[in-house]
PDB file of N, CA and C in Angstrom:
ATOM      1  N   UNK A   1     135.003  48.626  18.490  1.00  0.00           N
ATOM      2  CA  UNK A   1     135.698  48.589  19.755  1.00  0.00           C
ATOM      3  C   UNK A   1     134.902  47.696  20.704  1.00  0.00           C
ATOM      4  N   UNK A   2     135.595  46.809  21.434  1.00  0.00           N
ATOM      5  CA  UNK A   2     134.884  45.919  22.347  1.00  0.00           C
ATOM      6  C   UNK A   2     134.235  46.692  23.499  1.00  0.00           C
ATOM      7  N   UNK A   3     133.179  46.116  24.004  1.00  0.00           N
ATOM      8  CA  UNK A   3     132.385  46.769  25.032  1.00  0.00           C
ATOM      9  C   UNK A   3     133.192  47.018  26.311  1.00  0.00           C
ATOM     10  N   UNK A   4     134.027  46.094  26.718  1.00  0.00           N
ATOM     11  CA  UNK A   4     134.813  46.263  27.945  1.00  0.00           C
ATOM     12  C   UNK A   4     135.822  47.403  27.810  1.00  0.00           C
ATOM     13  N   UNK A   5     136.359  47.580  26.613  1.00  0.00           N
ATOM     14  CA  UNK A   5     137.302  48.665  26.385  1.00  0.00           C
ATOM     15  C   UNK A   5     136.582  50.011  26.448  1.00  0.00           C
ATOM     16  N   UNK A   6     135.373  50.081  25.869  1.00  0.00           N
ATOM     17  CA  UNK A   6     134.575  51.315  25.941  1.00  0.00           C
ATOM     18  C   UNK A   6     134.212  51.654  27.386  1.00  0.00           C
ATOM     19  N   UNK A   7     133.854  50.649  28.165  1.00  0.00           N
ATOM     20  CA  UNK A   7     133.508  50.859  29.569  1.00  0.00           C
ATOM     21  C   UNK A   7     134.718  51.372  30.363  1.00  0.00           C
ATOM     22  N   UNK A   8     135.878  50.849  30.052  1.00  0.00           N
ATOM     23  CA  UNK A   8     137.104  51.295  30.721  1.00  0.00           C
ATOM     24  C   UNK A   8     137.395  52.751  30.381  1.00  0.00           C
ATOM     25  N   UNK A   9     137.231  53.110  29.117  1.00  0.00           N
ATOM     26  CA  UNK A   9     137.467  54.493  28.692  1.00  0.00           C
ATOM     27  C   UNK A   9     136.459  55.426  29.373  1.00  0.00           C
ATOM     28  N   UNK A  10     135.203  55.014  29.435  1.00  0.00           N
ATOM     29  CA  UNK A  10     134.181  55.829  30.109  1.00  0.00           C
ATOM     30  C   UNK A  10     134.496  55.986  31.596  1.00  0.00           C
ATOM     31  N   UNK A  11     134.941  54.918  32.218  1.00  0.00           N
ATOM     32  CA  UNK A  11     135.298  54.966  33.631  1.00  0.00           C
ATOM     33  C   UNK A  11     136.435  55.974  33.857  1.00  0.00           C
ATOM     34  N   UNK A  12     137.423  55.949  32.989  1.00  0.00           N
ATOM     35  CA  UNK A  12     138.538  56.898  33.083  1.00  0.00           C
ATOM     36  C   UNK A  12     138.033  58.320  32.855  1.00  0.00           C
ATOM     37  N   UNK A  13     137.147  58.516  31.880  1.00  0.00           N
ATOM     38  CA  UNK A  13     136.596  59.853  31.622  1.00  0.00           C
ATOM     39  C   UNK A  13     135.804  60.368  32.824  1.00  0.00           C
ATOM     40  N   UNK A  14     134.943  59.535  33.381  1.00  0.00           N
ATOM     41  CA  UNK A  14     134.129  59.953  34.522  1.00  0.00           C
ATOM     42  C   UNK A  14     134.999  60.233  35.753  1.00  0.00           C
ATOM     43  N   UNK A  15     135.985  59.413  35.956  1.00  0.00           N
ATOM     44  CA  UNK A  15     136.901  59.631  37.077  1.00  0.00           C
ATOM     45  C   UNK A  15     137.647  60.952  36.906  1.00  0.00           C
ATOM     46  N   UNK A  16     138.095  61.228  35.700  1.00  0.00           N
ATOM     47  CA  UNK A  16     138.797  62.488  35.421  1.00  0.00           C
ATOM     48  C   UNK A  16     137.885  63.685  35.664  1.00  0.00           C
ATOM     49  N   UNK A  17     136.649  63.576  35.226  1.00  0.00           N
ATOM     50  CA  UNK A  17     135.681  64.660  35.439  1.00  0.00           C
ATOM     51  C   UNK A  17     135.448  64.884  36.936  1.00  0.00           C
ATOM     52  N   UNK A  18     135.299  63.805  37.691  1.00  0.00           N
ATOM     53  CA  UNK A  18     135.093  63.928  39.131  1.00  0.00           C
ATOM     54  C   UNK A  18     136.308  64.570  39.820  1.00  0.00           C
ATOM     55  N   UNK A  19     137.491  64.205  39.392  1.00  0.00           N
ATOM     56  CA  UNK A  19     138.701  64.794  39.977  1.00  0.00           C
ATOM     57  C   UNK A  19     138.756  66.287  39.685  1.00  0.00           C
ATOM     58  N   UNK A  20     138.453  66.679  38.455  1.00  0.00           N
ATOM     59  CA  UNK A  20     138.464  68.094  38.088  1.00  0.00           C
ATOM     60  C   UNK A  20     137.411  68.854  38.888  1.00  0.00           C
ATOM     61  N   UNK A  21     136.222  68.282  39.030  1.00  0.00           N
ATOM     62  CA  UNK A  21     135.171  68.931  39.815  1.00  0.00           C
ATOM     63  C   UNK A  21     135.576  69.069  41.286  1.00  0.00           C
ATOM     64  N   UNK A  22     136.172  68.030  41.837  1.00  0.00           N
ATOM     65  CA  UNK A  22     136.618  68.088  43.228  1.00  0.00           C
ATOM     66  C   UNK A  22     137.678  69.168  43.411  1.00  0.00           C
ATOM     67  N   UNK A  23     138.660  69.230  42.535  1.00  0.00           N
ATOM     68  CA  UNK A  23     139.710  70.244  42.645  1.00  0.00           C
ATOM     69  C   UNK A  23     139.151  71.654  42.474  1.00  0.00           C
ATOM     70  N   UNK A  24     138.197  71.807  41.571  1.00  0.00           N
ATOM     71  CA  UNK A  24     137.561  73.118  41.384  1.00  0.00           C
ATOM     72  C   UNK A  24     136.824  73.538  42.641  1.00  0.00           C
ATOM     73  N   UNK A  25     136.073  72.612  43.230  1.00  0.00           N
ATOM     74  CA  UNK A  25     135.332  72.903  44.444  1.00  0.00           C
ATOM     75  C   UNK A  25     136.302  73.259  45.579  1.00  0.00           C
ATOM     76  N   UNK A  26     137.378  72.512  45.724  1.00  0.00           N
ATOM     77  CA  UNK A  26     138.368  72.782  46.756  1.00  0.00           C
ATOM     78  C   UNK A  26     138.985  74.166  46.570  1.00  0.00           C
ATOM     79  N   UNK A  27     139.324  74.523  45.345  1.00  0.00           N
ATOM     80  CA  UNK A  27     139.901  75.842  45.070  1.00  0.00           C
ATOM     81  C   UNK A  27     138.909  76.962  45.361  1.00  0.00           C
ATOM     82  N   UNK A  28     137.653  76.771  45.014  1.00  0.00           N
ATOM     83  CA  UNK A  28     136.641  77.785  45.297  1.00  0.00           C
ATOM     84  C   UNK A  28     136.450  77.989  46.799  1.00  0.00           C
ATOM     85  N   UNK A  29     136.453  76.902  47.538  1.00  0.00           N
ATOM     86  CA  UNK A  29     136.307  77.007  48.989  1.00  0.00           C
ATOM     87  C   UNK A  29     137.515  77.724  49.584  1.00  0.00           C
ATOM     88  N   UNK A  30     138.707  77.358  49.142  1.00  0.00           N
ATOM     89  CA  UNK A  30     139.925  78.004  49.646  1.00  0.00           C
ATOM     90  C   UNK A  30     139.958  79.480  49.280  1.00  0.00           C
ATOM     91  N   UNK A  31     139.527  79.803  48.080  1.00  0.00           N
ATOM     92  CA  UNK A  31     139.548  81.186  47.614  1.00  0.00           C
ATOM     93  C   UNK A  31     138.549  82.046  48.370  1.00  0.00           C
ATOM     94  N   UNK A  32     137.414  81.458  48.726  1.00  0.00           N
ATOM     95  CA  UNK A  32     136.362  82.232  49.367  1.00  0.00           C
ATOM     96  C   UNK A  32     136.620  82.499  50.844  1.00  0.00           C
ATOM     97  N   UNK A  33     137.565  81.764  51.447  1.00  0.00           N
ATOM     98  CA  UNK A  33     137.878  82.011  52.849  1.00  0.00           C
ATOM     99  C   UNK A  33     138.504  83.384  52.980  1.00  0.00           C
ATOM    100  N   UNK A  34     138.093  84.092  54.009  1.00  0.00           N
ATOM    101  CA  UNK A  34     138.596  85.444  54.241  1.00  0.00           C
ATOM    102  C   UNK A  34     140.013  85.364  54.786  1.00  0.00           C
ATOM    103  N   UNK A  35     140.937  85.971  54.094  1.00  0.00           N
ATOM    104  CA  UNK A  35     142.314  86.024  54.546  1.00  0.00           C
ATOM    105  C   UNK A  35     142.455  87.249  55.427  1.00  0.00           C
ATOM    106  N   UNK A  36     142.974  87.049  56.627  1.00  0.00           N
ATOM    107  CA  UNK A  36     143.115  88.165  57.556  1.00  0.00           C
ATOM    108  C   UNK A  36     144.566  88.630  57.571  1.00  0.00           C
ATOM    109  N   UNK A  37     144.743  89.833  57.160  1.00  0.00           N
ATOM    110  CA  UNK A  37     146.030  90.484  57.266  1.00  0.00           C
ATOM    111  C   UNK A  37     145.910  91.406  58.470  1.00  0.00           C
ATOM    112  N   UNK A  38     146.963  91.510  59.235  1.00  0.00           N
ATOM    113  CA  UNK A  38     146.874  92.221  60.502  1.00  0.00           C
ATOM    114  C   UNK A  38     146.244  93.596  60.365  1.00  0.00           C
ATOM    115  N   UNK A  39     146.700  94.420  59.442  1.00  0.00           N
ATOM    116  CA  UNK A  39     146.140  95.756  59.271  1.00  0.00           C
ATOM    117  C   UNK A  39     144.724  95.727  58.743  1.00  0.00           C
ATOM    118  N   UNK A  40     144.457  94.836  57.794  1.00  0.00           N
ATOM    119  CA  UNK A  40     143.129  94.758  57.194  1.00  0.00           C
ATOM    120  C   UNK A  40     142.101  94.239  58.191  1.00  0.00           C
ATOM    121  N   UNK A  41     142.537  93.394  59.093  1.00  0.00           N
ATOM    122  CA  UNK A  41     141.609  92.824  60.058  1.00  0.00           C
ATOM    123  C   UNK A  41     141.106  93.869  61.045  1.00  0.00           C
ATOM    124  N   UNK A  42     141.841  94.945  61.226  1.00  0.00           N
ATOM    125  CA  UNK A  42     141.454  95.946  62.210  1.00  0.00           C
ATOM    126  C   UNK A  42     140.769  97.161  61.601  1.00  0.00           C
ATOM    127  N   UNK A  43     140.639  97.195  60.282  1.00  0.00           N
ATOM    128  CA  UNK A  43     140.014  98.349  59.633  1.00  0.00           C
ATOM    129  C   UNK A  43     138.574  98.560  60.077  1.00  0.00           C
ATOM    130  N   UNK A  44     137.864  97.478  60.352  1.00  0.00           N
ATOM    131  CA  UNK A  44     136.454  97.570  60.710  1.00  0.00           C
ATOM    132  C   UNK A  44     136.226  97.769  62.204  1.00  0.00           C
ATOM    133  N   UNK A  45     137.288  97.784  62.991  1.00  0.00           N
ATOM    134  CA  UNK A  45     137.145  97.954  64.429  1.00  0.00           C
ATOM    135  C   UNK A  45     137.108  99.442  64.729  1.00  0.00           C
ATOM    136  N   UNK A  46     135.996  99.932  65.278  1.00  0.00           N
ATOM    137  CA  UNK A  46     135.821 101.382  65.415  1.00  0.00           C
ATOM    138  C   UNK A  46     136.633 102.042  66.520  1.00  0.00           C
ATOM    139  N   UNK A  47     136.762 101.394  67.683  1.00  0.00           N
ATOM    140  CA  UNK A  47     137.396 102.095  68.802  1.00  0.00           C
ATOM    141  C   UNK A  47     138.808 101.590  69.063  1.00  0.00           C
ATOM    142  N   UNK A  48     139.601 102.456  69.640  1.00  0.00           N
ATOM    143  CA  UNK A  48     140.975 102.106  69.978  1.00  0.00           C
ATOM    144  C   UNK A  48     140.985 100.994  71.029  1.00  0.00           C
ATOM    145  N   UNK A  49     140.078 101.061  71.981  1.00  0.00           N
ATOM    146  CA  UNK A  49     139.994 100.034  73.014  1.00  0.00           C
ATOM    147  C   UNK A  49     139.722  98.652  72.437  1.00  0.00           C
ATOM    148  N   UNK A  50     138.857  98.591  71.444  1.00  0.00           N
ATOM    149  CA  UNK A  50     138.567  97.309  70.796  1.00  0.00           C
ATOM    150  C   UNK A  50     139.768  96.817  70.007  1.00  0.00           C
ATOM    151  N   UNK A  51     140.505  97.741  69.397  1.00  0.00           N
ATOM    152  CA  UNK A  51     141.720  97.353  68.674  1.00  0.00           C
ATOM    153  C   UNK A  51     142.757  96.796  69.646  1.00  0.00           C
ATOM    154  N   UNK A  52     142.879  97.427  70.806  1.00  0.00           N
ATOM    155  CA  UNK A  52     143.809  96.932  71.823  1.00  0.00           C
ATOM    156  C   UNK A  52     143.413  95.518  72.242  1.00  0.00           C
ATOM    157  N   UNK A  53     142.131  95.293  72.469  1.00  0.00           N
ATOM    158  CA  UNK A  53     141.650  93.953  72.838  1.00  0.00           C
ATOM    159  C   UNK A  53     141.958  92.943  71.743  1.00  0.00           C
ATOM    160  N   UNK A  54     141.771  93.371  70.495  1.00  0.00           N
ATOM    161  CA  UNK A  54     142.051  92.484  69.360  1.00  0.00           C
ATOM    162  C   UNK A  54     143.523  92.073  69.349  1.00  0.00           C
ATOM    163  N   UNK A  55     144.425  93.053  69.479  1.00  0.00           N
ATOM    164  CA  UNK A  55     145.852  92.740  69.426  1.00  0.00           C
ATOM    165  C   UNK A  55     146.299  91.952  70.654  1.00  0.00           C
ATOM    166  N   UNK A  56     145.661  92.192  71.790  1.00  0.00           N
ATOM    167  CA  UNK A  56     145.979  91.391  72.973  1.00  0.00           C
ATOM    168  C   UNK A  56     145.579  89.937  72.761  1.00  0.00           C
ATOM    169  N   UNK A  57     144.469  89.710  72.075  1.00  0.00           N
ATOM    170  CA  UNK A  57     144.082  88.326  71.775  1.00  0.00           C
ATOM    171  C   UNK A  57     145.056  87.691  70.778  1.00  0.00           C
ATOM    172  N   UNK A  58     145.599  88.507  69.877  1.00  0.00           N
ATOM    173  CA  UNK A  58     146.585  88.000  68.920  1.00  0.00           C
ATOM    174  C   UNK A  58     147.842  87.534  69.657  1.00  0.00           C
ATOM    175  N   UNK A  59     148.323  88.334  70.604  1.00  0.00           N
ATOM    176  CA  UNK A  59     149.563  87.943  71.291  1.00  0.00           C
ATOM    177  C   UNK A  59     149.346  86.797  72.277  1.00  0.00           C
ATOM    178  N   UNK A  60     148.103  86.588  72.702  1.00  0.00           N
ATOM    179  CA  UNK A  60     147.835  85.401  73.529  1.00  0.00           C
ATOM    180  C   UNK A  60     148.022  84.142  72.690  1.00  0.00           C
ATOM    181  N   UNK A  61     147.595  84.210  71.436  1.00  0.00           N
ATOM    182  CA  UNK A  61     147.739  83.067  70.540  1.00  0.00           C
ATOM    183  C   UNK A  61     149.156  82.947  70.004  1.00  0.00           C
ATOM    184  N   UNK A  62     149.790  84.093  69.723  1.00  0.00           N
ATOM    185  CA  UNK A  62     151.138  84.123  69.139  1.00  0.00           C
ATOM    186  C   UNK A  62     152.007  85.087  69.933  1.00  0.00           C
ATOM    187  N   UNK A  63     152.578  84.640  71.051  1.00  0.00           N
ATOM    188  CA  UNK A  63     153.295  85.557  71.933  1.00  0.00           C
ATOM    189  C   UNK A  63     154.561  86.171  71.332  1.00  0.00           C
ATOM    190  N   UNK A  64     155.027  85.694  70.214  1.00  0.00           N
ATOM    191  CA  UNK A  64     156.229  86.255  69.591  1.00  0.00           C
ATOM    192  C   UNK A  64     155.918  87.097  68.361  1.00  0.00           C
ATOM    193  N   UNK A  65     154.659  87.463  68.172  1.00  0.00           N
ATOM    194  CA  UNK A  65     154.254  88.209  66.977  1.00  0.00           C
ATOM    195  C   UNK A  65     154.526  89.692  67.186  1.00  0.00           C
ATOM    196  N   UNK A  66     155.678  90.147  66.684  1.00  0.00           N
ATOM    197  CA  UNK A  66     156.151  91.503  66.935  1.00  0.00           C
ATOM    198  C   UNK A  66     155.217  92.591  66.430  1.00  0.00           C
ATOM    199  N   UNK A  67     154.635  92.403  65.263  1.00  0.00           N
ATOM    200  CA  UNK A  67     153.761  93.438  64.708  1.00  0.00           C
ATOM    201  C   UNK A  67     152.605  93.772  65.648  1.00  0.00           C
ATOM    202  N   UNK A  68     152.105  92.768  66.342  1.00  0.00           N
ATOM    203  CA  UNK A  68     151.017  93.019  67.296  1.00  0.00           C
ATOM    204  C   UNK A  68     151.521  93.868  68.463  1.00  0.00           C
ATOM    205  N   UNK A  69     152.737  93.604  68.919  1.00  0.00           N
ATOM    206  CA  UNK A  69     153.304  94.425  69.998  1.00  0.00           C
ATOM    207  C   UNK A  69     153.525  95.856  69.539  1.00  0.00           C
ATOM    208  N   UNK A  70     153.998  96.025  68.312  1.00  0.00           N
ATOM    209  CA  UNK A  70     154.198  97.380  67.781  1.00  0.00           C
ATOM    210  C   UNK A  70     152.873  98.141  67.796  1.00  0.00           C
ATOM    211  N   UNK A  71     151.834  97.485  67.330  1.00  0.00           N
ATOM    212  CA  UNK A  71     150.519  98.131  67.302  1.00  0.00           C
ATOM    213  C   UNK A  71     150.032  98.437  68.708  1.00  0.00           C
ATOM    214  N   UNK A  72     150.261  97.520  69.632  1.00  0.00           N
ATOM    215  CA  UNK A  72     149.833  97.754  71.012  1.00  0.00           C
ATOM    216  C   UNK A  72     150.568  98.941  71.632  1.00  0.00           C
ATOM    217  N   UNK A  73     151.847  99.096  71.320  1.00  0.00           N
ATOM    218  CA  UNK A  73     152.583 100.259  71.827  1.00  0.00           C
ATOM    219  C   UNK A  73     151.946 101.536  71.292  1.00  0.00           C
ATOM    220  N   UNK A  74     151.714 101.582  69.983  1.00  0.00           N
ATOM    221  CA  UNK A  74     151.141 102.787  69.362  1.00  0.00           C
ATOM    222  C   UNK A  74     149.738 103.092  69.905  1.00  0.00           C
ATOM    223  N   UNK A  75     148.910 102.052  70.000  1.00  0.00           N
ATOM    224  CA  UNK A  75     147.528 102.253  70.458  1.00  0.00           C
ATOM    225  C   UNK A  75     147.479 102.703  71.917  1.00  0.00           C
ATOM    226  N   UNK A  76     148.345 102.134  72.748  1.00  0.00           N
ATOM    227  CA  UNK A  76     148.355 102.537  74.156  1.00  0.00           C
ATOM    228  C   UNK A  76     148.889 103.954  74.321  1.00  0.00           C
ATOM    229  N   UNK A  77     149.815 104.361  73.474  1.00  0.00           N
ATOM    230  CA  UNK A  77     150.264 105.754  73.490  1.00  0.00           C
ATOM    231  C   UNK A  77     149.094 106.654  73.096  1.00  0.00           C
ATOM    232  N   UNK A  78     148.360 106.237  72.078  1.00  0.00           N
ATOM    233  CA  UNK A  78     147.193 107.015  71.629  1.00  0.00           C
ATOM    234  C   UNK A  78     146.163 107.168  72.746  1.00  0.00           C
ATOM    235  N   UNK A  79     146.055 106.144  73.579  1.00  0.00           N
ATOM    236  CA  UNK A  79     145.108 106.168  74.699  1.00  0.00           C
ATOM    237  C   UNK A  79     145.724 106.784  75.958  1.00  0.00           C
ATOM    238  N   UNK A  80     146.948 107.298  75.849  1.00  0.00           N
ATOM    239  CA  UNK A  80     147.692 107.890  76.974  1.00  0.00           C
ATOM    240  C   UNK A  80     147.935 106.892  78.106  1.00  0.00           C
ATOM    241  N   UNK A  81     148.032 105.624  77.726  1.00  0.00           N
ATOM    242  CA  UNK A  81     148.337 104.579  78.699  1.00  0.00           C
ATOM    243  C   UNK A  81     149.822 104.220  78.547  1.00  0.00           C
ATOM    244  N   UNK A  82     150.675 105.089  79.094  1.00  0.00           N
ATOM    245  CA  UNK A  82     152.114 104.972  78.874  1.00  0.00           C
ATOM    246  C   UNK A  82     152.734 103.775  79.588  1.00  0.00           C
ATOM    247  N   UNK A  83     152.166 103.382  80.720  1.00  0.00           N
ATOM    248  CA  UNK A  83     152.698 102.201  81.418  1.00  0.00           C
ATOM    249  C   UNK A  83     152.529 100.945  80.574  1.00  0.00           C
ATOM    250  N   UNK A  84     151.343 100.764  80.014  1.00  0.00           N
ATOM    251  CA  UNK A  84     151.094  99.598  79.151  1.00  0.00           C
ATOM    252  C   UNK A  84     151.955  99.661  77.892  1.00  0.00           C
ATOM    253  N   UNK A  85     152.073 100.859  77.314  1.00  0.00           N
ATOM    254  CA  UNK A  85     152.891 101.020  76.115  1.00  0.00           C
ATOM    255  C   UNK A  85     154.331 100.631  76.396  1.00  0.00           C
ATOM    256  N   UNK A  86     154.845 101.060  77.538  1.00  0.00           N
ATOM    257  CA  UNK A  86     156.222 100.722  77.919  1.00  0.00           C
ATOM    258  C   UNK A  86     156.364  99.223  78.152  1.00  0.00           C
ATOM    259  N   UNK A  87     155.359  98.623  78.757  1.00  0.00           N
ATOM    260  CA  UNK A  87     155.382  97.178  79.002  1.00  0.00           C
ATOM    261  C   UNK A  87     155.460  96.398  77.682  1.00  0.00           C
ATOM    262  N   UNK A  88     154.599  96.774  76.732  1.00  0.00           N
ATOM    263  CA  UNK A  88     154.616  96.092  75.436  1.00  0.00           C
ATOM    264  C   UNK A  88     155.907  96.379  74.668  1.00  0.00           C
ATOM    265  N   UNK A  89     156.417  97.581  74.816  1.00  0.00           N
ATOM    266  CA  UNK A  89     157.684  97.944  74.173  1.00  0.00           C
ATOM    267  C   UNK A  89     158.809  97.045  74.690  1.00  0.00           C
ATOM    268  N   UNK A  90     158.868  96.847  75.998  1.00  0.00           N
ATOM    269  CA  UNK A  90     159.922  96.023  76.584  1.00  0.00           C
ATOM    270  C   UNK A  90     159.810  94.569  76.146  1.00  0.00           C
ATOM    271  N   UNK A  91     158.601  94.066  76.049  1.00  0.00           N
ATOM    272  CA  UNK A  91     158.406  92.690  75.583  1.00  0.00           C
ATOM    273  C   UNK A  91     158.896  92.559  74.142  1.00  0.00           C
ATOM    274  N   UNK A  92     158.502  93.522  73.307  1.00  0.00           N
ATOM    275  CA  UNK A  92     158.931  93.482  71.903  1.00  0.00           C
ATOM    276  C   UNK A  92     160.442  93.596  71.804  1.00  0.00           C
ATOM    277  N   UNK A  93     161.031  94.431  72.628  1.00  0.00           N
ATOM    278  CA  UNK A  93     162.489  94.599  72.605  1.00  0.00           C
ATOM    279  C   UNK A  93     163.188  93.317  73.044  1.00  0.00           C
ATOM    280  N   UNK A  94     162.610  92.599  73.998  1.00  0.00           N
ATOM    281  CA  UNK A  94     163.186  91.316  74.414  1.00  0.00           C
ATOM    282  C   UNK A  94     163.101  90.273  73.311  1.00  0.00           C
ATOM    283  N   UNK A  95     162.038  90.328  72.525  1.00  0.00           N
ATOM    284  CA  UNK A  95     161.881  89.376  71.424  1.00  0.00           C
ATOM    285  C   UNK A  95     162.893  89.659  70.327  1.00  0.00           C
ATOM    286  N   UNK A  96     163.031  90.948  69.966  1.00  0.00           N
ATOM    287  CA  UNK A  96     163.967  91.313  68.898  1.00  0.00           C
ATOM    288  C   UNK A  96     164.630  92.646  69.222  1.00  0.00           C
ATOM    289  N   UNK A  97     165.714  92.608  69.969  1.00  0.00           N
ATOM    290  CA  UNK A  97     166.360  93.860  70.386  1.00  0.00           C
ATOM    291  C   UNK A  97     166.993  94.640  69.232  1.00  0.00           C
ATOM    292  N   UNK A  98     167.221  94.002  68.102  1.00  0.00           N
ATOM    293  CA  UNK A  98     167.857  94.678  66.969  1.00  0.00           C
ATOM    294  C   UNK A  98     166.860  95.246  65.969  1.00  0.00           C
ATOM    295  N   UNK A  99     165.597  95.150  66.269  1.00  0.00           N
ATOM    296  CA  UNK A  99     164.559  95.633  65.355  1.00  0.00           C
ATOM    297  C   UNK A  99     164.660  97.144  65.161  1.00  0.00           C
ATOM    298  N   UNK A 100     164.662  97.554  63.916  1.00  0.00           N
ATOM    299  CA  UNK A 100     164.694  98.987  63.616  1.00  0.00           C
ATOM    300  C   UNK A 100     163.399  99.664  64.064  1.00  0.00           C
ATOM    301  N   UNK A 101     162.301  98.937  64.002  1.00  0.00           N
ATOM    302  CA  UNK A 101     161.020  99.510  64.442  1.00  0.00           C
ATOM    303  C   UNK A 101     161.066  99.779  65.946  1.00  0.00           C
ATOM    304  N   UNK A 102     161.636  98.853  66.695  1.00  0.00           N
ATOM    305  CA  UNK A 102     161.760  99.048  68.145  1.00  0.00           C
ATOM    306  C   UNK A 102     162.625 100.272  68.438  1.00  0.00           C
ATOM    307  N   UNK A 103     163.740 100.373  67.752  1.00  0.00           N
ATOM    308  CA  UNK A 103     164.615 101.531  67.969  1.00  0.00           C
ATOM    309  C   UNK A 103     163.895 102.826  67.626  1.00  0.00           C
ATOM    310  N   UNK A 104     163.169 102.814  66.526  1.00  0.00           N
ATOM    311  CA  UNK A 104     162.429 104.003  66.104  1.00  0.00           C
ATOM    312  C   UNK A 104     161.330 104.353  67.113  1.00  0.00           C
ATOM    313  N   UNK A 105     160.576 103.341  67.554  1.00  0.00           N
ATOM    314  CA  UNK A 105     159.525 103.583  68.546  1.00  0.00           C
ATOM    315  C   UNK A 105     160.121 104.137  69.835  1.00  0.00           C
ATOM    316  N   UNK A 106     161.228 103.558  70.260  1.00  0.00           N
ATOM    317  CA  UNK A 106     161.858 104.017  71.492  1.00  0.00           C
ATOM    318  C   UNK A 106     162.326 105.458  71.385  1.00  0.00           C
ATOM    319  N   UNK A 107     162.897 105.814  70.249  1.00  0.00           N
ATOM    320  CA  UNK A 107     163.370 107.189  70.055  1.00  0.00           C
ATOM    321  C   UNK A 107     162.213 108.170  69.919  1.00  0.00           C
ATOM    322  N   UNK A 108     161.243 107.817  69.113  1.00  0.00           N
ATOM    323  CA  UNK A 108     160.128 108.734  68.844  1.00  0.00           C
ATOM    324  C   UNK A 108     159.203 108.919  70.038  1.00  0.00           C
ATOM    325  N   UNK A 109     159.074 107.891  70.845  1.00  0.00           N
ATOM    326  CA  UNK A 109     158.110 107.959  71.938  1.00  0.00           C
ATOM    327  C   UNK A 109     158.773 108.189  73.289  1.00  0.00           C
ATOM    328  N   UNK A 110     160.080 108.419  73.279  1.00  0.00           N
ATOM    329  CA  UNK A 110     160.843 108.633  74.516  1.00  0.00           C
ATOM    330  C   UNK A 110     160.661 107.510  75.515  1.00  0.00           C
ATOM    331  N   UNK A 111     160.571 106.292  74.992  1.00  0.00           N
ATOM    332  CA  UNK A 111     160.522 105.122  75.858  1.00  0.00           C
ATOM    333  C   UNK A 111     161.954 104.645  76.004  1.00  0.00           C
ATOM    334  N   UNK A 112     162.297 104.233  77.216  1.00  0.00           N
ATOM    335  CA  UNK A 112     163.670 103.828  77.502  1.00  0.00           C
ATOM    336  C   UNK A 112     164.131 102.734  76.545  1.00  0.00           C
ATOM    337  N   UNK A 113     165.240 102.984  75.881  1.00  0.00           N
ATOM    338  CA  UNK A 113     165.845 101.966  74.996  1.00  0.00           C
ATOM    339  C   UNK A 113     166.738 101.143  75.818  1.00  0.00           C
TER     340      UNK A 113
END
């Protein structure tokens, strides 16, 4: 086999190896990143007040994120802060008035539907 053909084959082999290594490294980095699921992200937060702060920061970033409002309603009820709970309930209801969770929260917590 001529030398130039061997060099071309080696170049293709080395390039293929580098591509595989790069993709492996990229996948490992992506896999190692911590994925935050709303419920899982709050498991390590000890106090209700800190959880409320966490969810308030979530809605500042994503003002239409209903799950955060649901949690804020529940947490504020737990803290006996009914005015705040009602406020978050109304915001969530404005975002999605047909939500079954909103209807359930309103019925169970005697918040005005």
